[in-house]
Amino acid sequence: MWKPQTRFDKEYLEQTLAPDFFEFGRSGRIYTKEITMSAPMQEINAKFPLKDFQIKLIDENVALITYISEVQYEELEIANRSSIWSKTLDGWQMRFHQGTPVK
């Protein structure tokens, strides 16, 4: 999701985001699947690899992913990130995501 070729690919997002997906953004705003899919294409200056990337299985069909993002906008923005993914017949889908700013 941090690479423009997937982040702004409508077909990829349709498959990857669950129908009821929502996000509590780093900004404090709430984003739905529809809002996320309608975001205009832009450059994403994220640092890779994602820092402290971890996958924890809650059960065989649910995973919690956590990491720290570092993205350069006008300033370097650092955030703790977490998302919940569920396994479906079509593969893994993100159901929830949250970004919390790090001062």
Foldseek 3Di string as FASTA:
>chain_A
DQALVQQQDLVNLVLAADQAAWECEQVRDIGGSVRSNPDDRDHWAKDPPFAPWDWDDPDPFKIKTWTWIWTDDVHTWIWIKIWMWGQDPSGIHTRYMYTHTDD
